[in-house]
Structure formats: structure tokens, C-alpha cells
Amino acid sequence: TTRPTSHSDPTYTIDDVLHYGVPNMPGAVPRTSSLALANATLPYAL
């Protein structure tokens, strides 16, 4: 019953169960995420 949502509209309810389906969750903490991602991708990109 899950489907993609967004940070600005993250939830919906089915059978009185709240569903959260944001596919890019780390995008809510972009500075931490960008630094962590680059730490991993940089050697491969180079």
C-alpha cells in the first residue's frame, strides 16, 4: 500500500494506518547527506 510521496506532502492514510513514502529521505538533511555521499562517490568519480 505504499507509494512515493514528497517532503512537502509526505503522508497519507489507508485503513487508519499512516503511510510515509518519501523516496529521497536524506534530502531533508542535505548538508549531512551531500558530504556523506561525496565521501563515498569521490574515488569512483575520479
PDB file of all heavy atoms in Angstrom:
ATOM      1  N   THR A   1       0.800  -1.219   0.000  1.00  0.00           N
ATOM      2  CA  THR A   1       0.000   0.000   0.000  1.00  0.00           C
ATOM      3  C   THR A   1       0.840   1.280   0.000  1.00  0.00           C
ATOM      4  O   THR A   1       0.282   2.375   0.054  1.00  0.00           O
ATOM      5  CB  THR A   1      -0.942   0.021   1.213  1.00  0.00           C
ATOM      6  OG1 THR A   1      -0.199  -0.299   2.400  1.00  0.00           O
ATOM      7  CG2 THR A   1      -2.063  -0.982   1.036  1.00  0.00           C
ATOM      8  N   THR A   2       2.150   1.165  -0.067  1.00  0.00           N
ATOM      9  CA  THR A   2       2.958   2.380  -0.100  1.00  0.00           C
ATOM     10  C   THR A   2       3.130   2.870  -1.530  1.00  0.00           C
ATOM     11  O   THR A   2       3.164   2.093  -2.479  1.00  0.00           O
ATOM     12  CB  THR A   2       4.354   2.177   0.524  1.00  0.00           C
ATOM     13  OG1 THR A   2       5.020   1.106  -0.142  1.00  0.00           O
ATOM     14  CG2 THR A   2       4.250   1.889   1.996  1.00  0.00           C
ATOM     15  N   ARG A   3       3.254   4.179  -1.658  1.00  0.00           N
ATOM     16  CA  ARG A   3       3.514   4.835  -2.934  1.00  0.00           C
ATOM     17  C   ARG A   3       4.417   6.035  -2.659  1.00  0.00           C
ATOM     18  O   ARG A   3       4.455   6.549  -1.537  1.00  0.00           O
ATOM     19  CB  ARG A   3       2.217   5.288  -3.602  1.00  0.00           C
ATOM     20  CG  ARG A   3       1.366   6.210  -2.750  1.00  0.00           C
ATOM     21  CD  ARG A   3       0.157   6.710  -3.519  1.00  0.00           C
ATOM     22  NE  ARG A   3      -0.794   7.431  -2.693  1.00  0.00           N
ATOM     23  CZ  ARG A   3      -0.662   8.692  -2.294  1.00  0.00           C
ATOM     24  NH1 ARG A   3       0.424   9.369  -2.623  1.00  0.00           N
ATOM     25  NH2 ARG A   3      -1.590   9.277  -1.545  1.00  0.00           N
ATOM     26  N   PRO A   4       5.141   6.500  -3.670  1.00  0.00           N
ATOM     27  CA  PRO A   4       6.035   7.637  -3.447  1.00  0.00           C
ATOM     28  C   PRO A   4       5.285   8.903  -3.055  1.00  0.00           C
ATOM     29  O   PRO A   4       4.240   9.228  -3.638  1.00  0.00           O
ATOM     30  CB  PRO A   4       6.729   7.812  -4.799  1.00  0.00           C
ATOM     31  CG  PRO A   4       6.620   6.482  -5.462  1.00  0.00           C
ATOM     32  CD  PRO A   4       5.299   5.930  -5.013  1.00  0.00           C
ATOM     33  N   THR A   5       5.809   9.614  -2.061  1.00  0.00           N
ATOM     34  CA  THR A   5       5.270  10.911  -1.650  1.00  0.00           C
ATOM     35  C   THR A   5       6.412  11.925  -1.721  1.00  0.00           C
ATOM     36  O   THR A   5       7.369  11.725  -2.441  1.00  0.00           O
ATOM     37  CB  THR A   5       4.667  10.827  -0.236  1.00  0.00           C
ATOM     38  OG1 THR A   5       5.681  10.416   0.698  1.00  0.00           O
ATOM     39  CG2 THR A   5       3.504   9.830  -0.178  1.00  0.00           C
ATOM     40  N   SER A   6       6.300  13.016  -1.004  1.00  0.00           N
ATOM     41  CA  SER A   6       7.333  14.054  -1.051  1.00  0.00           C
ATOM     42  C   SER A   6       7.514  14.649   0.333  1.00  0.00           C
ATOM     43  O   SER A   6       6.666  14.490   1.218  1.00  0.00           O
ATOM     44  CB  SER A   6       6.932  15.151  -2.032  1.00  0.00           C
ATOM     45  OG  SER A   6       5.768  15.828  -1.583  1.00  0.00           O
ATOM     46  N   HIS A   7       8.614  15.372   0.520  1.00  0.00           N
ATOM     47  CA  HIS A   7       8.863  16.014   1.811  1.00  0.00           C
ATOM     48  C   HIS A   7       7.785  17.044   2.142  1.00  0.00           C
ATOM     49  O   HIS A   7       7.450  17.227   3.311  1.00  0.00           O
ATOM     50  CB  HIS A   7      10.243  16.684   1.796  1.00  0.00           C
ATOM     51  CG  HIS A   7      11.386  15.732   1.845  1.00  0.00           C
ATOM     52  ND1 HIS A   7      11.681  14.966   2.949  1.00  0.00           N
ATOM     53  CD2 HIS A   7      12.313  15.399   0.906  1.00  0.00           C
ATOM     54  CE1 HIS A   7      12.738  14.210   2.697  1.00  0.00           C
ATOM     55  NE2 HIS A   7      13.135  14.461   1.464  1.00  0.00           N
ATOM     56  N   SER A   8       7.245  17.696   1.124  1.00  0.00           N
ATOM     57  CA  SER A   8       6.230  18.708   1.380  1.00  0.00           C
ATOM     58  C   SER A   8       4.845  18.099   1.597  1.00  0.00           C
ATOM     59  O   SER A   8       3.959  18.744   2.156  1.00  0.00           O
ATOM     60  CB  SER A   8       6.178  19.712   0.222  1.00  0.00           C
ATOM     61  OG  SER A   8       5.972  19.052  -1.013  1.00  0.00           O
ATOM     62  N   ASP A   9       4.634  16.879   1.181  1.00  0.00           N
ATOM     63  CA  ASP A   9       3.355  16.179   1.386  1.00  0.00           C
ATOM     64  C   ASP A   9       3.669  14.707   1.618  1.00  0.00           C
ATOM     65  O   ASP A   9       3.436  13.857   0.765  1.00  0.00           O
ATOM     66  CB  ASP A   9       2.451  16.370   0.158  1.00  0.00           C
ATOM     67  CG  ASP A   9       1.047  15.825   0.363  1.00  0.00           C
ATOM     68  OD1 ASP A   9       0.652  15.599   1.533  1.00  0.00           O
ATOM     69  OD2 ASP A   9       0.340  15.626  -0.644  1.00  0.00           O
ATOM     70  N   PRO A  10       4.210  14.367   2.796  1.00  0.00           N
ATOM     71  CA  PRO A  10       4.862  13.066   2.980  1.00  0.00           C
ATOM     72  C   PRO A  10       3.949  11.890   3.300  1.00  0.00           C
ATOM     73  O   PRO A  10       4.379  10.745   3.150  1.00  0.00           O
ATOM     74  CB  PRO A  10       5.809  13.326   4.153  1.00  0.00           C
ATOM     75  CG  PRO A  10       5.121  14.392   4.953  1.00  0.00           C
ATOM     76  CD  PRO A  10       4.416  15.259   3.948  1.00  0.00           C
ATOM     77  N   THR A  11       2.735  12.131   3.781  1.00  0.00           N
ATOM     78  CA  THR A  11       1.939  11.022   4.327  1.00  0.00           C
ATOM     79  C   THR A  11       0.539  10.955   3.723  1.00  0.00           C
ATOM     80  O   THR A  11       0.018  11.927   3.176  1.00  0.00           O
ATOM     81  CB  THR A  11       1.803  11.148   5.857  1.00  0.00           C
ATOM     82  OG1 THR A  11       1.104  12.364   6.181  1.00  0.00           O
ATOM     83  CG2 THR A  11       3.167  11.149   6.534  1.00  0.00           C
ATOM     84  N   TYR A  12      -0.037   9.783   3.855  1.00  0.00           N
ATOM     85  CA  TYR A  12      -1.454   9.538   3.534  1.00  0.00           C
ATOM     86  C   TYR A  12      -1.895   8.366   4.400  1.00  0.00           C
ATOM     87  O   TYR A  12      -1.056   7.648   4.987  1.00  0.00           O
ATOM     88  CB  TYR A  12      -1.636   9.231   2.036  1.00  0.00           C
ATOM     89  CG  TYR A  12      -0.861   8.035   1.559  1.00  0.00           C
ATOM     90  CD1 TYR A  12      -1.415   6.759   1.532  1.00  0.00           C
ATOM     91  CD2 TYR A  12       0.471   8.175   1.162  1.00  0.00           C
ATOM     92  CE1 TYR A  12      -0.685   5.659   1.113  1.00  0.00           C
ATOM     93  CE2 TYR A  12       1.207   7.087   0.741  1.00  0.00           C
ATOM     94  CZ  TYR A  12       0.632   5.832   0.707  1.00  0.00           C
ATOM     95  OH  TYR A  12       1.353   4.745   0.302  1.00  0.00           O
ATOM     96  N   THR A  13      -3.192   8.149   4.486  1.00  0.00           N
ATOM     97  CA  THR A  13      -3.728   7.136   5.392  1.00  0.00           C
ATOM     98  C   THR A  13      -4.564   6.117   4.625  1.00  0.00           C
ATOM     99  O   THR A  13      -5.392   6.480   3.791  1.00  0.00           O
ATOM    100  CB  THR A  13      -4.591   7.784   6.491  1.00  0.00           C
ATOM    101  OG1 THR A  13      -3.767   8.702   7.237  1.00  0.00           O
ATOM    102  CG2 THR A  13      -5.144   6.736   7.447  1.00  0.00           C
ATOM    103  N   ILE A  14      -4.331   4.835   4.913  1.00  0.00           N
ATOM    104  CA  ILE A  14      -5.139   3.737   4.404  1.00  0.00           C
ATOM    105  C   ILE A  14      -5.471   2.835   5.584  1.00  0.00           C
ATOM    106  O   ILE A  14      -4.574   2.453   6.351  1.00  0.00           O
ATOM    107  CB  ILE A  14      -4.395   2.933   3.318  1.00  0.00           C
ATOM    108  CG1 ILE A  14      -4.095   3.810   2.094  1.00  0.00           C
ATOM    109  CG2 ILE A  14      -5.213   1.708   2.891  1.00  0.00           C
ATOM    110  CD1 ILE A  14      -3.298   3.098   1.017  1.00  0.00           C
ATOM    111  N   ASP A  15      -6.748   2.485   5.733  1.00  0.00           N
ATOM    112  CA  ASP A  15      -7.188   1.629   6.843  1.00  0.00           C
ATOM    113  C   ASP A  15      -6.719   2.167   8.193  1.00  0.00           C
ATOM    114  O   ASP A  15      -6.338   1.398   9.089  1.00  0.00           O
ATOM    115  CB  ASP A  15      -6.696   0.189   6.664  1.00  0.00           C
ATOM    116  CG  ASP A  15      -7.462  -0.558   5.581  1.00  0.00           C
ATOM    117  OD1 ASP A  15      -8.485  -0.034   5.117  1.00  0.00           O
ATOM    118  OD2 ASP A  15      -7.031  -1.658   5.203  1.00  0.00           O
ATOM    119  N   ASP A  16      -6.731   3.479   8.328  1.00  0.00           N
ATOM    120  CA  ASP A  16      -6.347   4.155   9.564  1.00  0.00           C
ATOM    121  C   ASP A  16      -4.891   3.902   9.950  1.00  0.00           C
ATOM    122  O   ASP A  16      -4.511   4.013  11.113  1.00  0.00           O
ATOM    123  CB  ASP A  16      -7.271   3.752  10.723  1.00  0.00           C
ATOM    124  CG  ASP A  16      -7.396   4.856  11.766  1.00  0.00           C
ATOM    125  OD1 ASP A  16      -7.142   6.028  11.409  1.00  0.00           O
ATOM    126  OD2 ASP A  16      -7.717   4.556  12.927  1.00  0.00           O
ATOM    127  N   VAL A  17      -4.074   3.563   8.948  1.00  0.00           N
ATOM    128  CA  VAL A  17      -2.624   3.417   9.151  1.00  0.00           C
ATOM    129  C   VAL A  17      -1.934   4.511   8.337  1.00  0.00           C
ATOM    130  O   VAL A  17      -2.150   4.643   7.134  1.00  0.00           O
ATOM    131  CB  VAL A  17      -2.121   2.031   8.701  1.00  0.00           C
ATOM    132  CG1 VAL A  17      -0.599   1.957   8.796  1.00  0.00           C
ATOM    133  CG2 VAL A  17      -2.757   0.936   9.556  1.00  0.00           C
ATOM    134  N   LEU A  18      -1.100   5.298   9.003  1.00  0.00           N
ATOM    135  CA  LEU A  18      -0.409   6.403   8.356  1.00  0.00           C
ATOM    136  C   LEU A  18       0.780   5.865   7.557  1.00  0.00           C
ATOM    137  O   LEU A  18       1.591   5.105   8.071  1.00  0.00           O
ATOM    138  CB  LEU A  18       0.086   7.395   9.414  1.00  0.00           C
ATOM    139  CG  LEU A  18       0.613   8.746   8.914  1.00  0.00           C
ATOM    140  CD1 LEU A  18      -0.542   9.609   8.426  1.00  0.00           C
ATOM    141  CD2 LEU A  18       1.362   9.462  10.035  1.00  0.00           C
ATOM    142  N   HIS A  19       0.867   6.261   6.289  1.00  0.00           N
ATOM    143  CA  HIS A  19       1.945   5.821   5.400  1.00  0.00           C
ATOM    144  C   HIS A  19       2.859   6.997   5.074  1.00  0.00           C
ATOM    145  O   HIS A  19       2.376   8.065   4.696  1.00  0.00           O
ATOM    146  CB  HIS A  19       1.381   5.272   4.086  1.00  0.00           C
ATOM    147  CG  HIS A  19       0.646   3.983   4.208  1.00  0.00           C
ATOM    148  ND1 HIS A  19      -0.484   3.819   4.994  1.00  0.00           N
ATOM    149  CD2 HIS A  19       0.868   2.766   3.625  1.00  0.00           C
ATOM    150  CE1 HIS A  19      -0.925   2.574   4.884  1.00  0.00           C
ATOM    151  NE2 HIS A  19      -0.114   1.922   4.059  1.00  0.00           N
ATOM    152  N   TYR A  20       4.170   6.763   5.177  1.00  0.00           N
ATOM    153  CA  TYR A  20       5.188   7.754   4.815  1.00  0.00           C
ATOM    154  C   TYR A  20       6.027   7.133   3.712  1.00  0.00           C
ATOM    155  O   TYR A  20       6.679   6.105   3.925  1.00  0.00           O
ATOM    156  CB  TYR A  20       6.040   8.092   6.037  1.00  0.00           C
ATOM    157  CG  TYR A  20       7.168   9.076   5.823  1.00  0.00           C
ATOM    158  CD1 TYR A  20       7.024  10.419   6.173  1.00  0.00           C
ATOM    159  CD2 TYR A  20       8.385   8.665   5.294  1.00  0.00           C
ATOM    160  CE1 TYR A  20       8.067  11.329   6.001  1.00  0.00           C
ATOM    161  CE2 TYR A  20       9.434   9.566   5.114  1.00  0.00           C
ATOM    162  CZ  TYR A  20       9.264  10.893   5.468  1.00  0.00           C
ATOM    163  OH  TYR A  20      10.296  11.787   5.298  1.00  0.00           O
ATOM    164  N   GLY A  21       6.022   7.750   2.510  1.00  0.00           N
ATOM    165  CA  GLY A  21       6.686   7.127   1.365  1.00  0.00           C
ATOM    166  C   GLY A  21       7.633   8.044   0.628  1.00  0.00           C
ATOM    167  O   GLY A  21       7.713   7.973  -0.598  1.00  0.00           O
ATOM    168  N   VAL A  22       8.357   8.884   1.350  1.00  0.00           N
ATOM    169  CA  VAL A  22       9.293   9.806   0.699  1.00  0.00           C
ATOM    170  C   VAL A  22      10.496   9.021   0.173  1.00  0.00           C
ATOM    171  O   VAL A  22      11.215   8.395   0.955  1.00  0.00           O
ATOM    172  CB  VAL A  22       9.752  10.904   1.685  1.00  0.00           C
ATOM    173  CG1 VAL A  22      10.781  11.807   1.018  1.00  0.00           C
ATOM    174  CG2 VAL A  22       8.562  11.719   2.175  1.00  0.00           C
ATOM    175  N   PRO A  23      10.739   9.032  -1.155  1.00  0.00           N
ATOM    176  CA  PRO A  23      11.837   8.220  -1.692  1.00  0.00           C
ATOM    177  C   PRO A  23      13.213   8.825  -1.501  1.00  0.00           C
ATOM    178  O   PRO A  23      14.208   8.105  -1.583  1.00  0.00           O
ATOM    179  CB  PRO A  23      11.492   8.122  -3.184  1.00  0.00           C
ATOM    180  CG  PRO A  23      10.676   9.336  -3.459  1.00  0.00           C
ATOM    181  CD  PRO A  23       9.910   9.639  -2.205  1.00  0.00           C
ATOM    182  N   ASN A  24      13.302  10.129  -1.278  1.00  0.00           N
ATOM    183  CA  ASN A  24      14.614  10.759  -1.085  1.00  0.00           C
ATOM    184  C   ASN A  24      14.708  11.328   0.328  1.00  0.00           C
ATOM    185  O   ASN A  24      14.959  12.514   0.531  1.00  0.00           O
ATOM    186  CB  ASN A  24      14.861  11.840  -2.137  1.00  0.00           C
ATOM    187  CG  ASN A  24      13.812  12.943  -2.124  1.00  0.00           C
ATOM    188  OD1 ASN A  24      12.653  12.696  -1.822  1.00  0.00           O
ATOM    189  ND2 ASN A  24      14.202  14.158  -2.467  1.00  0.00           N
ATOM    190  N   MET A  25      14.530  10.449   1.303  1.00  0.00           N
ATOM    191  CA  MET A  25      14.545  10.877   2.698  1.00  0.00           C
ATOM    192  C   MET A  25      15.800  11.672   3.059  1.00  0.00           C
ATOM    193  O   MET A  25      15.707  12.702   3.738  1.00  0.00           O
ATOM    194  CB  MET A  25      14.400   9.661   3.619  1.00  0.00           C
ATOM    195  CG  MET A  25      13.019   9.029   3.594  1.00  0.00           C
ATOM    196  SD  MET A  25      12.920   7.547   4.631  1.00  0.00           S
ATOM    197  CE  MET A  25      13.136   8.270   6.247  1.00  0.00           C
ATOM    198  N   PRO A  26      17.000  11.252   2.633  1.00  0.00           N
ATOM    199  CA  PRO A  26      18.191  12.015   3.014  1.00  0.00           C
ATOM    200  C   PRO A  26      18.193  13.451   2.499  1.00  0.00           C
ATOM    201  O   PRO A  26      18.979  14.272   2.964  1.00  0.00           O
ATOM    202  CB  PRO A  26      19.336  11.206   2.397  1.00  0.00           C
ATOM    203  CG  PRO A  26      18.809   9.809   2.330  1.00  0.00           C
ATOM    204  CD  PRO A  26      17.374   9.984   1.972  1.00  0.00           C
ATOM    205  N   GLY A  27      17.313  13.760   1.537  1.00  0.00           N
ATOM    206  CA  GLY A  27      17.219  15.122   1.043  1.00  0.00           C
ATOM    207  C   GLY A  27      16.737  16.108   2.081  1.00  0.00           C
ATOM    208  O   GLY A  27      16.888  17.325   1.911  1.00  0.00           O
ATOM    209  N   ALA A  28      16.181  15.620   3.187  1.00  0.00           N
ATOM    210  CA  ALA A  28      15.728  16.504   4.264  1.00  0.00           C
ATOM    211  C   ALA A  28      16.894  17.008   5.112  1.00  0.00           C
ATOM    212  O   ALA A  28      16.746  17.988   5.845  1.00  0.00           O
ATOM    213  CB  ALA A  28      14.707  15.787   5.154  1.00  0.00           C
ATOM    214  N   VAL A  29      18.021  16.330   5.034  1.00  0.00           N
ATOM    215  CA  VAL A  29      19.222  16.776   5.751  1.00  0.00           C
ATOM    216  C   VAL A  29      20.337  16.904   4.715  1.00  0.00           C
ATOM    217  O   VAL A  29      21.321  16.155   4.719  1.00  0.00           O
ATOM    218  CB  VAL A  29      19.605  15.798   6.890  1.00  0.00           C
ATOM    219  CG1 VAL A  29      18.644  15.951   8.060  1.00  0.00           C
ATOM    220  CG2 VAL A  29      19.599  14.339   6.405  1.00  0.00           C
ATOM    221  N   PRO A  30      20.197  17.878   3.789  1.00  0.00           N
ATOM    222  CA  PRO A  30      21.042  17.899   2.593  1.00  0.00           C
ATOM    223  C   PRO A  30      22.519  18.124   2.849  1.00  0.00           C
ATOM    224  O   PRO A  30      23.359  17.586   2.110  1.00  0.00           O
ATOM    225  CB  PRO A  30      20.436  19.031   1.760  1.00  0.00           C
ATOM    226  CG  PRO A  30      19.738  19.914   2.744  1.00  0.00           C
ATOM    227  CD  PRO A  30      19.210  18.969   3.789  1.00  0.00           C
ATOM    228  N   ARG A  31      22.863  18.914   3.859  1.00  0.00           N
ATOM    229  CA  ARG A  31      24.297  19.150   4.073  1.00  0.00           C
ATOM    230  C   ARG A  31      24.991  17.873   4.544  1.00  0.00           C
ATOM    231  O   ARG A  31      26.017  17.468   3.990  1.00  0.00           O
ATOM    232  CB  ARG A  31      24.515  20.283   5.073  1.00  0.00           C
ATOM    233  CG  ARG A  31      25.976  20.717   5.153  1.00  0.00           C
ATOM    234  CD  ARG A  31      26.173  21.961   5.994  1.00  0.00           C
ATOM    235  NE  ARG A  31      27.573  22.361   6.024  1.00  0.00           N
ATOM    236  CZ  ARG A  31      28.147  23.166   5.134  1.00  0.00           C
ATOM    237  NH1 ARG A  31      27.441  23.660   4.133  1.00  0.00           N
ATOM    238  NH2 ARG A  31      29.433  23.491   5.239  1.00  0.00           N
ATOM    239  N   THR A  32      24.417  17.226   5.559  1.00  0.00           N
ATOM    240  CA  THR A  32      24.969  15.952   6.017  1.00  0.00           C
ATOM    241  C   THR A  32      25.014  14.946   4.884  1.00  0.00           C
ATOM    242  O   THR A  32      26.027  14.262   4.663  1.00  0.00           O
ATOM    243  CB  THR A  32      24.130  15.396   7.180  1.00  0.00           C
ATOM    244  OG1 THR A  32      24.223  16.273   8.295  1.00  0.00           O
ATOM    245  CG2 THR A  32      24.609  14.008   7.585  1.00  0.00           C
ATOM    246  N   SER A  33      23.919  14.853   4.132  1.00  0.00           N
ATOM    247  CA  SER A  33      23.817  13.845   3.080  1.00  0.00           C
ATOM    248  C   SER A  33      24.787  14.112   1.938  1.00  0.00           C
ATOM    249  O   SER A  33      25.413  13.180   1.413  1.00  0.00           O
ATOM    250  CB  SER A  33      22.384  13.793   2.549  1.00  0.00           C
ATOM    251  OG  SER A  33      21.483  13.393   3.553  1.00  0.00           O
ATOM    252  N   SER A  34      24.917  15.371   1.525  1.00  0.00           N
ATOM    253  CA  SER A  34      25.812  15.689   0.417  1.00  0.00           C
ATOM    254  C   SER A  34      27.261  15.366   0.766  1.00  0.00           C
ATOM    255  O   SER A  34      28.010  14.816  -0.049  1.00  0.00           O
ATOM    256  CB  SER A  34      25.683  17.167   0.037  1.00  0.00           C
ATOM    257  OG  SER A  34      24.392  17.456  -0.458  1.00  0.00           O
ATOM    258  N   LEU A  35      27.668  15.710   1.978  1.00  0.00           N
ATOM    259  CA  LEU A  35      29.032  15.418   2.412  1.00  0.00           C
ATOM    260  C   LEU A  35      29.264  13.913   2.523  1.00  0.00           C
ATOM    261  O   LEU A  35      30.306  13.389   2.092  1.00  0.00           O
ATOM    262  CB  LEU A  35      29.323  16.115   3.737  1.00  0.00           C
ATOM    263  CG  LEU A  35      29.408  17.644   3.675  1.00  0.00           C
ATOM    264  CD1 LEU A  35      29.405  18.240   5.082  1.00  0.00           C
ATOM    265  CD2 LEU A  35      30.667  18.082   2.920  1.00  0.00           C
ATOM    266  N   ALA A  36      28.296  13.197   3.098  1.00  0.00           N
ATOM    267  CA  ALA A  36      28.441  11.748   3.252  1.00  0.00           C
ATOM    268  C   ALA A  36      28.475  11.055   1.898  1.00  0.00           C
ATOM    269  O   ALA A  36      29.258  10.114   1.684  1.00  0.00           O
ATOM    270  CB  ALA A  36      27.299  11.195   4.105  1.00  0.00           C
ATOM    271  N   LEU A  37      27.638  11.500   0.969  1.00  0.00           N
ATOM    272  CA  LEU A  37      27.608  10.895  -0.357  1.00  0.00           C
ATOM    273  C   LEU A  37      28.923  11.122  -1.091  1.00  0.00           C
ATOM    274  O   LEU A  37      29.498  10.190  -1.675  1.00  0.00           O
ATOM    275  CB  LEU A  37      26.442  11.466  -1.163  1.00  0.00           C
ATOM    276  CG  LEU A  37      26.273  10.924  -2.582  1.00  0.00           C
ATOM    277  CD1 LEU A  37      26.040   9.421  -2.564  1.00  0.00           C
ATOM    278  CD2 LEU A  37      25.119  11.634  -3.298  1.00  0.00           C
ATOM    279  N   ALA A  38      29.412  12.361  -1.054  1.00  0.00           N
ATOM    280  CA  ALA A  38      30.663  12.670  -1.758  1.00  0.00           C
ATOM    281  C   ALA A  38      31.848  11.910  -1.173  1.00  0.00           C
ATOM    282  O   ALA A  38      32.769  11.527  -1.907  1.00  0.00           O
ATOM    283  CB  ALA A  38      30.927  14.169  -1.722  1.00  0.00           C
ATOM    284  N   ASN A  39      31.844  11.682   0.139  1.00  0.00           N
ATOM    285  CA  ASN A  39      32.918  10.880   0.748  1.00  0.00           C
ATOM    286  C   ASN A  39      33.027   9.517   0.082  1.00  0.00           C
ATOM    287  O   ASN A  39      34.122   8.973  -0.096  1.00  0.00           O
ATOM    288  CB  ASN A  39      32.656  10.686   2.244  1.00  0.00           C
ATOM    289  CG  ASN A  39      32.896  11.937   3.053  1.00  0.00           C
ATOM    290  OD1 ASN A  39      33.540  12.875   2.590  1.00  0.00           O
ATOM    291  ND2 ASN A  39      32.380  11.958   4.274  1.00  0.00           N
ATOM    292  N   ALA A  40      31.867   8.959  -0.287  1.00  0.00           N
ATOM    293  CA  ALA A  40      31.845   7.619  -0.879  1.00  0.00           C
ATOM    294  C   ALA A  40      32.051   7.645  -2.388  1.00  0.00           C
ATOM    295  O   ALA A  40      32.759   6.799  -2.945  1.00  0.00           O
ATOM    296  CB  ALA A  40      30.522   6.928  -0.549  1.00  0.00           C
ATOM    297  N   THR A  41      31.443   8.611  -3.080  1.00  0.00           N
ATOM    298  CA  THR A  41      31.467   8.598  -4.545  1.00  0.00           C
ATOM    299  C   THR A  41      32.752   9.174  -5.146  1.00  0.00           C
ATOM    300  O   THR A  41      33.117   8.832  -6.272  1.00  0.00           O
ATOM    301  CB  THR A  41      30.276   9.385  -5.121  1.00  0.00           C
ATOM    302  OG1 THR A  41      30.350  10.753  -4.686  1.00  0.00           O
ATOM    303  CG2 THR A  41      28.956   8.768  -4.686  1.00  0.00           C
ATOM    304  N   LEU A  42      33.427  10.057  -4.411  1.00  0.00           N
ATOM    305  CA  LEU A  42      34.555  10.785  -4.985  1.00  0.00           C
ATOM    306  C   LEU A  42      35.632   9.881  -5.588  1.00  0.00           C
ATOM    307  O   LEU A  42      36.072  10.121  -6.730  1.00  0.00           O
ATOM    308  CB  LEU A  42      35.160  11.730  -3.950  1.00  0.00           C
ATOM    309  CG  LEU A  42      36.325  12.603  -4.433  1.00  0.00           C
ATOM    310  CD1 LEU A  42      35.891  13.492  -5.594  1.00  0.00           C
ATOM    311  CD2 LEU A  42      36.875  13.457  -3.278  1.00  0.00           C
ATOM    312  N   PRO A  43      36.094   8.834  -4.888  1.00  0.00           N
ATOM    313  CA  PRO A  43      37.140   8.000  -5.503  1.00  0.00           C
ATOM    314  C   PRO A  43      36.697   7.361  -6.817  1.00  0.00           C
ATOM    315  O   PRO A  43      37.489   7.240  -7.755  1.00  0.00           O
ATOM    316  CB  PRO A  43      37.418   6.931  -4.429  1.00  0.00           C
ATOM    317  CG  PRO A  43      36.939   7.538  -3.154  1.00  0.00           C
ATOM    318  CD  PRO A  43      35.756   8.377  -3.525  1.00  0.00           C
ATOM    319  N   TYR A  44      35.429   6.960  -6.890  1.00  0.00           N
ATOM    320  CA  TYR A  44      34.922   6.330  -8.112  1.00  0.00           C
ATOM    321  C   TYR A  44      34.759   7.356  -9.228  1.00  0.00           C
ATOM    322  O   TYR A  44      35.069   7.076 -10.392  1.00  0.00           O
ATOM    323  CB  TYR A  44      33.590   5.635  -7.826  1.00  0.00           C
ATOM    324  CG  TYR A  44      33.707   4.482  -6.861  1.00  0.00           C
ATOM    325  CD1 TYR A  44      33.537   4.672  -5.491  1.00  0.00           C
ATOM    326  CD2 TYR A  44      33.994   3.195  -7.321  1.00  0.00           C
ATOM    327  CE1 TYR A  44      33.653   3.603  -4.599  1.00  0.00           C
ATOM    328  CE2 TYR A  44      34.109   2.124  -6.439  1.00  0.00           C
ATOM    329  CZ  TYR A  44      33.940   2.338  -5.084  1.00  0.00           C
ATOM    330  OH  TYR A  44      34.053   1.293  -4.207  1.00  0.00           O
ATOM    331  N   ALA A  45      34.265   8.548  -8.881  1.00  0.00           N
ATOM    332  CA  ALA A  45      34.105   9.600  -9.884  1.00  0.00           C
ATOM    333  C   ALA A  45      35.459  10.026 -10.441  1.00  0.00           C
ATOM    334  O   ALA A  45      35.608  10.248 -11.653  1.00  0.00           O
ATOM    335  CB  ALA A  45      33.370  10.797  -9.268  1.00  0.00           C
ATOM    336  N   LEU A  46      36.451  10.133  -9.573  1.00  0.00           N
ATOM    337  CA  LEU A  46      37.799  10.468 -10.039  1.00  0.00           C
ATOM    338  C   LEU A  46      38.368   9.373 -10.935  1.00  0.00           C
ATOM    339  O   LEU A  46      39.051   9.661 -11.928  1.00  0.00           O
ATOM    340  CB  LEU A  46      38.730  10.688  -8.844  1.00  0.00           C
ATOM    341  CG  LEU A  46      38.564  12.011  -8.088  1.00  0.00           C
ATOM    342  CD1 LEU A  46      39.391  11.989  -6.807  1.00  0.00           C
ATOM    343  CD2 LEU A  46      38.969  13.202  -8.961  1.00  0.00           C
TER     344      LEU A  46
END
